[in-house]
Amino acid sequence: MNKGAKITLSVIVSIIFVAVLILFYRFDPEAELLFPKCPFLLFTGYECPGCGSQRAIHSLLHFKIGAAWRYNAFMVLVVPYLFLGIYLEYFDRRKRHSRLKSLFFGRWSAMTIFIVIIVYWVLRNLN
């Protein structure tokens, strides 16, 4: 992909991202029919690892950290991790934080994240 196409794609993705954030900020997923309900929860009665993430994002955008934590604690912890990944991938041009990148996004990170998601999934349904 050439540089112009990358820039165009980045602009499009950024516009979509901002639009989604505005949507989550303006509308409460708990009260609006616009947001889908979790099919796993509807069919099984158990919460999946993502259950409550829409409400958590809405709460985070309104700086209600406690409410976001109650809706989905994992989402509250994932947001800084995602921003770290975006920074390290796109803004750390000099690769000053290569040790940090290898620690959080290295060989075993995907397996570690997968295990954490499974453990979170089980623990949140033990009630």
N, C-alpha and C. Protein backbone atom coordinates (compact mmCIF):
# COMPACT_ATOMS: atom_id res chain seq x y z
N MET A 1 0.86 -1.17 0.00
CA MET A 1 0.00 0.00 0.00
C MET A 1 0.91 1.24 0.00
N ASN A 2 0.61 2.18 -0.88
CA ASN A 2 1.45 3.38 -0.96
C ASN A 2 1.10 4.35 0.16
N LYS A 3 1.95 5.38 0.31
CA LYS A 3 1.81 6.32 1.42
C LYS A 3 0.48 7.08 1.36
N GLY A 4 0.05 7.49 0.17
CA GLY A 4 -1.21 8.22 0.03
C GLY A 4 -2.41 7.38 0.46
N ALA A 5 -2.40 6.10 0.10
CA ALA A 5 -3.48 5.20 0.48
C ALA A 5 -3.49 4.98 2.00
N LYS A 6 -2.32 4.89 2.61
CA LYS A 6 -2.23 4.72 4.06
C LYS A 6 -2.79 5.94 4.78
N ILE A 7 -2.46 7.12 4.26
CA ILE A 7 -2.96 8.35 4.89
C ILE A 7 -4.48 8.43 4.74
N THR A 8 -4.98 8.11 3.57
CA THR A 8 -6.43 8.12 3.33
C THR A 8 -7.13 7.14 4.25
N LEU A 9 -6.60 5.94 4.36
CA LEU A 9 -7.18 4.93 5.24
C LEU A 9 -7.14 5.39 6.69
N SER A 10 -6.05 5.99 7.11
CA SER A 10 -5.94 6.50 8.48
C SER A 10 -6.97 7.57 8.77
N VAL A 11 -7.19 8.46 7.81
CA VAL A 11 -8.19 9.52 7.98
C VAL A 11 -9.59 8.92 8.08
N ILE A 12 -9.90 7.97 7.23
CA ILE A 12 -11.22 7.33 7.25
C ILE A 12 -11.45 6.60 8.56
N VAL A 13 -10.46 5.83 9.02
CA VAL A 13 -10.58 5.10 10.28
C VAL A 13 -10.73 6.07 11.44
N SER A 14 -9.98 7.17 11.41
CA SER A 14 -10.07 8.17 12.48
C SER A 14 -11.45 8.81 12.53
N ILE A 15 -12.00 9.14 11.37
CA ILE A 15 -13.35 9.74 11.32
C ILE A 15 -14.39 8.77 11.85
N ILE A 16 -14.30 7.51 11.46
CA ILE A 16 -15.24 6.50 11.96
C ILE A 16 -15.10 6.34 13.47
N PHE A 17 -13.87 6.32 13.96
CA PHE A 17 -13.60 6.17 15.39
C PHE A 17 -14.22 7.33 16.17
N VAL A 18 -14.01 8.54 15.71
CA VAL A 18 -14.57 9.72 16.38
C VAL A 18 -16.10 9.69 16.32
N ALA A 19 -16.66 9.28 15.19
CA ALA A 19 -18.12 9.19 15.07
C ALA A 19 -18.69 8.18 16.06
N VAL A 20 -18.03 7.06 16.21
CA VAL A 20 -18.49 6.04 17.17
C VAL A 20 -18.39 6.58 18.60
N LEU A 21 -17.31 7.28 18.91
CA LEU A 21 -17.18 7.86 20.25
C LEU A 21 -18.28 8.88 20.51
N ILE A 22 -18.60 9.70 19.52
CA ILE A 22 -19.69 10.67 19.68
C ILE A 22 -21.01 9.94 19.91
N LEU A 23 -21.24 8.87 19.16
CA LEU A 23 -22.46 8.07 19.32
C LEU A 23 -22.56 7.51 20.73
N PHE A 24 -21.45 6.96 21.23
CA PHE A 24 -21.44 6.40 22.58
C PHE A 24 -21.57 7.49 23.64
N TYR A 25 -21.06 8.67 23.35
CA TYR A 25 -21.16 9.76 24.31
C TYR A 25 -22.59 10.29 24.39
N ARG A 26 -23.22 10.48 23.25
CA ARG A 26 -24.54 11.11 23.18
C ARG A 26 -25.69 10.19 23.61
N PHE A 27 -25.56 8.91 23.35
CA PHE A 27 -26.66 7.98 23.61
C PHE A 27 -26.25 6.94 24.64
N ASP A 28 -27.13 6.68 25.58
CA ASP A 28 -26.89 5.70 26.63
C ASP A 28 -27.29 4.31 26.13
N PRO A 29 -26.34 3.38 26.02
CA PRO A 29 -26.65 2.04 25.53
C PRO A 29 -27.67 1.30 26.38
N GLU A 30 -27.79 1.70 27.63
CA GLU A 30 -28.76 1.04 28.50
C GLU A 30 -30.20 1.47 28.18
N ALA A 31 -30.36 2.67 27.62
CA ALA A 31 -31.69 3.21 27.38
C ALA A 31 -32.11 3.22 25.91
N GLU A 32 -31.16 3.13 25.01
CA GLU A 32 -31.45 3.26 23.58
C GLU A 32 -31.53 1.90 22.89
N LEU A 33 -32.48 1.75 21.99
CA LEU A 33 -32.61 0.51 21.22
C LEU A 33 -31.57 0.41 20.10
N LEU A 34 -30.87 1.49 19.86
CA LEU A 34 -29.85 1.56 18.82
C LEU A 34 -28.73 0.54 19.06
N PHE A 35 -28.44 0.25 20.31
CA PHE A 35 -27.34 -0.64 20.67
C PHE A 35 -27.84 -2.07 20.85
N PRO A 36 -27.15 -3.03 20.25
CA PRO A 36 -27.60 -4.43 20.34
C PRO A 36 -27.37 -5.02 21.72
N LYS A 37 -28.21 -5.95 22.07
CA LYS A 37 -28.05 -6.71 23.31
C LYS A 37 -27.15 -7.90 23.02
N CYS A 38 -26.50 -8.41 24.03
CA CYS A 38 -25.57 -9.53 23.87
C CYS A 38 -26.34 -10.82 23.57
N PRO A 39 -26.10 -11.43 22.41
CA PRO A 39 -26.81 -12.68 22.09
C PRO A 39 -26.42 -13.82 23.02
N PHE A 40 -25.18 -13.86 23.47
CA PHE A 40 -24.75 -14.92 24.39
C PHE A 40 -25.55 -14.83 25.70
N LEU A 41 -25.70 -13.62 26.23
CA LEU A 41 -26.47 -13.42 27.46
C LEU A 41 -27.94 -13.76 27.24
N LEU A 42 -28.50 -13.36 26.11
CA LEU A 42 -29.90 -13.63 25.83
C LEU A 42 -30.19 -15.13 25.73
N PHE A 43 -29.27 -15.89 25.13
CA PHE A 43 -29.49 -17.33 24.93
C PHE A 43 -29.12 -18.18 26.14
N THR A 44 -28.09 -17.77 26.90
CA THR A 44 -27.61 -18.62 27.98
C THR A 44 -27.92 -18.09 29.37
N GLY A 45 -28.10 -16.80 29.49
CA GLY A 45 -28.27 -16.20 30.81
C GLY A 45 -26.95 -15.89 31.48
N TYR A 46 -25.86 -16.22 30.85
CA TYR A 46 -24.52 -15.93 31.38
C TYR A 46 -23.91 -14.76 30.63
N GLU A 47 -23.08 -13.98 31.34
CA GLU A 47 -22.42 -12.85 30.72
C GLU A 47 -21.16 -13.30 30.00
N CYS A 48 -20.96 -12.77 28.80
CA CYS A 48 -19.71 -13.02 28.08
C CYS A 48 -18.68 -11.99 28.54
N PRO A 49 -17.42 -12.11 28.14
CA PRO A 49 -16.41 -11.13 28.56
C PRO A 49 -16.72 -9.71 28.08
N GLY A 50 -17.51 -9.56 27.04
CA GLY A 50 -17.83 -8.24 26.51
C GLY A 50 -19.10 -7.63 27.05
N CYS A 51 -19.88 -8.40 27.79
CA CYS A 51 -21.14 -7.88 28.32
C CYS A 51 -20.89 -6.64 29.17
N GLY A 52 -21.63 -5.61 28.89
CA GLY A 52 -21.50 -4.36 29.63
C GLY A 52 -20.47 -3.41 29.05
N SER A 53 -19.77 -3.83 28.00
CA SER A 53 -18.71 -2.98 27.45
C SER A 53 -19.26 -1.71 26.80
N GLN A 54 -20.43 -1.79 26.17
CA GLN A 54 -21.02 -0.58 25.59
C GLN A 54 -21.38 0.43 26.68
N ARG A 55 -21.96 -0.06 27.76
CA ARG A 55 -22.31 0.82 28.87
C ARG A 55 -21.05 1.33 29.56
N ALA A 56 -20.01 0.49 29.62
CA ALA A 56 -18.74 0.92 30.22
C ALA A 56 -18.09 2.02 29.40
N ILE A 57 -18.12 1.90 28.08
CA ILE A 57 -17.55 2.94 27.22
C ILE A 57 -18.32 4.24 27.41
N HIS A 58 -19.65 4.15 27.44
CA HIS A 58 -20.48 5.34 27.68
C HIS A 58 -20.10 5.99 29.01
N SER A 59 -19.96 5.19 30.04
CA SER A 59 -19.60 5.72 31.37
C SER A 59 -18.20 6.32 31.37
N LEU A 60 -17.25 5.66 30.71
CA LEU A 60 -15.89 6.20 30.64
C LEU A 60 -15.87 7.56 29.94
N LEU A 61 -16.64 7.70 28.88
CA LEU A 61 -16.68 8.97 28.16
C LEU A 61 -17.28 10.09 29.00
N HIS A 62 -18.06 9.71 30.02
CA HIS A 62 -18.64 10.69 30.94
C HIS A 62 -17.85 10.74 32.26
N PHE A 63 -16.66 10.13 32.27
CA PHE A 63 -15.76 10.11 33.43
C PHE A 63 -16.39 9.48 34.66
N LYS A 64 -17.25 8.50 34.45
CA LYS A 64 -17.86 7.75 35.56
C LYS A 64 -17.12 6.40 35.65
N ILE A 65 -15.94 6.45 36.23
CA ILE A 65 -15.06 5.29 36.26
C ILE A 65 -15.67 4.15 37.08
N GLY A 66 -16.28 4.48 38.21
CA GLY A 66 -16.90 3.46 39.06
C GLY A 66 -18.01 2.72 38.35
N ALA A 67 -18.85 3.46 37.65
CA ALA A 67 -19.94 2.83 36.90
C ALA A 67 -19.39 1.96 35.79
N ALA A 68 -18.38 2.47 35.09
CA ALA A 68 -17.75 1.69 34.02
C ALA A 68 -17.17 0.40 34.58
N TRP A 69 -16.54 0.47 35.74
CA TRP A 69 -15.95 -0.71 36.38
C TRP A 69 -17.04 -1.74 36.71
N ARG A 70 -18.17 -1.28 37.19
CA ARG A 70 -19.27 -2.21 37.52
C ARG A 70 -19.86 -2.85 36.27
N TYR A 71 -19.93 -2.10 35.18
CA TYR A 71 -20.46 -2.67 33.94
C TYR A 71 -19.52 -3.69 33.34
N ASN A 72 -18.23 -3.35 33.25
CA ASN A 72 -17.26 -4.28 32.68
C ASN A 72 -15.86 -3.85 33.08
N ALA A 73 -15.34 -4.45 34.15
CA ALA A 73 -14.02 -4.09 34.67
C ALA A 73 -12.92 -4.35 33.64
N PHE A 74 -13.07 -5.41 32.89
CA PHE A 74 -12.05 -5.75 31.89
C PHE A 74 -11.93 -4.63 30.85
N MET A 75 -13.05 -4.06 30.43
CA MET A 75 -13.02 -2.99 29.44
C MET A 75 -12.27 -1.77 29.98
N VAL A 76 -12.48 -1.47 31.25
CA VAL A 76 -11.80 -0.33 31.87
C VAL A 76 -10.29 -0.55 31.84
N LEU A 77 -9.85 -1.78 32.03
CA LEU A 77 -8.42 -2.08 32.00
C LEU A 77 -7.87 -2.19 30.58
N VAL A 78 -8.70 -2.54 29.63
CA VAL A 78 -8.26 -2.72 28.24
C VAL A 78 -8.01 -1.39 27.54
N VAL A 79 -8.79 -0.37 27.86
CA VAL A 79 -8.67 0.91 27.16
C VAL A 79 -7.24 1.48 27.24
N PRO A 80 -6.63 1.58 28.43
CA PRO A 80 -5.25 2.09 28.46
C PRO A 80 -4.27 1.18 27.69
N TYR A 81 -4.51 -0.11 27.74
CA TYR A 81 -3.67 -1.07 27.00
C TYR A 81 -3.76 -0.81 25.49
N LEU A 82 -4.96 -0.55 25.00
CA LEU A 82 -5.15 -0.25 23.58
C LEU A 82 -4.45 1.05 23.19
N PHE A 83 -4.60 2.07 24.03
CA PHE A 83 -3.92 3.34 23.74
C PHE A 83 -2.41 3.19 23.76
N LEU A 84 -1.89 2.37 24.67
CA LEU A 84 -0.46 2.10 24.69
C LEU A 84 -0.03 1.43 23.39
N GLY A 85 -0.79 0.46 22.94
CA GLY A 85 -0.48 -0.22 21.69
C GLY A 85 -0.50 0.71 20.49
N ILE A 86 -1.49 1.59 20.44
CA ILE A 86 -1.58 2.56 19.34
C ILE A 86 -0.38 3.49 19.37
N TYR A 87 -0.03 3.97 20.57
CA TYR A 87 1.13 4.86 20.69
C TYR A 87 2.41 4.15 20.22
N LEU A 88 2.64 2.95 20.72
CA LEU A 88 3.87 2.24 20.38
C LEU A 88 3.95 1.90 18.89
N GLU A 89 2.82 1.62 18.28
CA GLU A 89 2.81 1.22 16.88
C GLU A 89 2.92 2.42 15.93
N TYR A 90 2.24 3.50 16.25
CA TYR A 90 2.13 4.59 15.28
C TYR A 90 2.88 5.87 15.65
N PHE A 91 3.21 6.06 16.92
CA PHE A 91 3.81 7.33 17.32
C PHE A 91 5.22 7.21 17.90
N ASP A 92 5.69 6.03 18.16
CA ASP A 92 7.04 5.83 18.70
C ASP A 92 8.00 5.56 17.54
N ARG A 93 8.19 6.55 16.71
CA ARG A 93 9.00 6.41 15.48
C ARG A 93 10.44 6.03 15.77
N ARG A 94 11.00 6.54 16.85
CA ARG A 94 12.41 6.27 17.18
C ARG A 94 12.59 4.95 17.91
N LYS A 95 11.49 4.27 18.15
CA LYS A 95 11.50 2.98 18.85
C LYS A 95 12.18 3.09 20.22
N ARG A 96 11.89 4.19 20.92
CA ARG A 96 12.48 4.41 22.24
C ARG A 96 11.93 3.45 23.29
N HIS A 97 10.78 2.90 23.04
CA HIS A 97 10.14 2.04 24.04
C HIS A 97 10.04 0.60 23.55
N SER A 98 11.07 0.10 22.92
CA SER A 98 11.03 -1.25 22.36
C SER A 98 10.90 -2.32 23.44
N ARG A 99 11.50 -2.09 24.61
CA ARG A 99 11.36 -3.07 25.70
C ARG A 99 9.93 -3.12 26.20
N LEU A 100 9.30 -1.96 26.29
CA LEU A 100 7.90 -1.89 26.71
C LEU A 100 7.02 -2.61 25.69
N LYS A 101 7.30 -2.40 24.42
CA LYS A 101 6.52 -3.05 23.36
C LYS A 101 6.69 -4.56 23.41
N SER A 102 7.92 -5.02 23.61
CA SER A 102 8.13 -6.47 23.66
C SER A 102 7.51 -7.08 24.91
N LEU A 103 7.44 -6.32 26.00
CA LEU A 103 6.83 -6.82 27.24
C LEU A 103 5.31 -6.96 27.08
N PHE A 104 4.65 -5.91 26.58
CA PHE A 104 3.20 -5.92 26.50
C PHE A 104 2.64 -6.48 25.21
N PHE A 105 3.43 -6.50 24.15
CA PHE A 105 2.93 -6.95 22.86
C PHE A 105 3.88 -7.96 22.22
N GLY A 106 4.61 -8.66 23.04
CA GLY A 106 5.58 -9.62 22.55
C GLY A 106 4.98 -10.98 22.27
N ARG A 107 5.84 -11.96 22.25
CA ARG A 107 5.50 -13.32 21.84
C ARG A 107 4.35 -13.92 22.64
N TRP A 108 4.34 -13.74 23.93
CA TRP A 108 3.36 -14.42 24.78
C TRP A 108 2.15 -13.55 25.12
N SER A 109 2.13 -12.34 24.64
CA SER A 109 1.05 -11.44 25.04
C SER A 109 -0.32 -11.92 24.58
N ALA A 110 -0.44 -12.43 23.38
CA ALA A 110 -1.74 -12.89 22.87
C ALA A 110 -2.28 -14.04 23.73
N MET A 111 -1.41 -14.97 24.08
CA MET A 111 -1.84 -16.10 24.91
C MET A 111 -2.21 -15.63 26.31
N THR A 112 -1.44 -14.71 26.85
CA THR A 112 -1.74 -14.16 28.18
C THR A 112 -3.08 -13.45 28.19
N ILE A 113 -3.33 -12.63 27.18
CA ILE A 113 -4.60 -11.92 27.07
C ILE A 113 -5.75 -12.91 26.93
N PHE A 114 -5.58 -13.92 26.13
CA PHE A 114 -6.61 -14.94 25.94
C PHE A 114 -6.94 -15.62 27.28
N ILE A 115 -5.92 -15.98 28.04
CA ILE A 115 -6.14 -16.62 29.34
C ILE A 115 -6.84 -15.67 30.31
N VAL A 116 -6.43 -14.40 30.32
CA VAL A 116 -7.07 -13.42 31.20
C VAL A 116 -8.55 -13.26 30.84
N ILE A 117 -8.86 -13.24 29.55
CA ILE A 117 -10.25 -13.12 29.10
C ILE A 117 -11.07 -14.33 29.57
N ILE A 118 -10.52 -15.53 29.43
CA ILE A 118 -11.24 -16.74 29.87
C ILE A 118 -11.45 -16.72 31.38
N VAL A 119 -10.42 -16.36 32.14
CA VAL A 119 -10.55 -16.29 33.60
C VAL A 119 -11.59 -15.25 34.00
N TYR A 120 -11.55 -14.08 33.36
CA TYR A 120 -12.54 -13.04 33.64
C TYR A 120 -13.95 -13.54 33.33
N TRP A 121 -14.10 -14.23 32.22
CA TRP A 121 -15.38 -14.77 31.79
C TRP A 121 -15.94 -15.72 32.86
N VAL A 122 -15.11 -16.61 33.36
CA VAL A 122 -15.54 -17.57 34.36
C VAL A 122 -15.87 -16.87 35.67
N LEU A 123 -14.97 -15.98 36.13
CA LEU A 123 -15.15 -15.34 37.42
C LEU A 123 -16.39 -14.46 37.47
N ARG A 124 -16.71 -13.78 36.39
CA ARG A 124 -17.87 -12.89 36.42
C ARG A 124 -19.18 -13.66 36.43
N ASN A 125 -19.15 -14.95 36.15
CA ASN A 125 -20.37 -15.76 36.13
C ASN A 125 -20.50 -16.69 37.32
N LEU A 126 -19.63 -16.56 38.29
CA LEU A 126 -19.68 -17.43 39.48
C LEU A 126 -20.76 -17.02 40.47
N ASN A 127 -21.34 -15.85 40.31
CA ASN A 127 -22.34 -15.37 41.27
C ASN A 127 -23.52 -16.29 41.33
